[in-house]
Amino acid sequence: MSEQHCGAKTRSNGTCRKKPMRNGRCYMHGGASTGPKNKTKHSESMKGNKNSLRTGEYETIWFDSFSPEDIQHYELTPTSAIEQLDHEIKIADIRERRMMKRIRDSEKSKCKQKAELITKIEDSLSRLQAVKSRLIDQKIRLQEITDPEVGHNSLDQLVSILAQARNLHTRNE
């Protein structure tokens, strides 16, 4: 009686001699799981799975898995684009302030890697300030689109103030 073998083609152009599983192949050549048979049940079971979550940057968010705090925050989140930009600018400002405080605290400390730490914080601070600058530019452009009067408002205000001052000066003479 001949013993069954996997029979898959190997790198050396031979056939695999390992013992096959029920599907006819060994564990190396297809004997392992082929995944869930019912995809809908699988996706439902994976909704709360946070096994590979590290930073949350790529986390999939399902509304039905929100905590009560998440629901409250969701309802309070501004939907206006300008309000969201204001919110992001404020957060960037808070981060900037915290980084400046870390630099100040690092300068006072007696840490051996003080210079390296300060350099890293300053690099991060530079990137944050660039992001903050882009946010401000986006807000200005968005205001120009939504209200054309606002776009040139600061320069127009200066011109009108100077014109009013000139008119008052000529009347007083």
Foldseek 3Di string as FASTA:
>chain_A
DDAAALQDQDPVRGGGRHHADPVSHRPVPPPDDPDDPDVVVVVVVCQPDCPPPDPCPPDDDDPVPDDPVRVVVVVVDDPDPLVVLVVVLVVLVVVLVVLVVVLVVLVPDPDPCSVVVNVVSVVVNVVSVVVSVVSVVVSLVVCCVVPVCSNCVVVVVVVVVVVVVVVVVVVVD
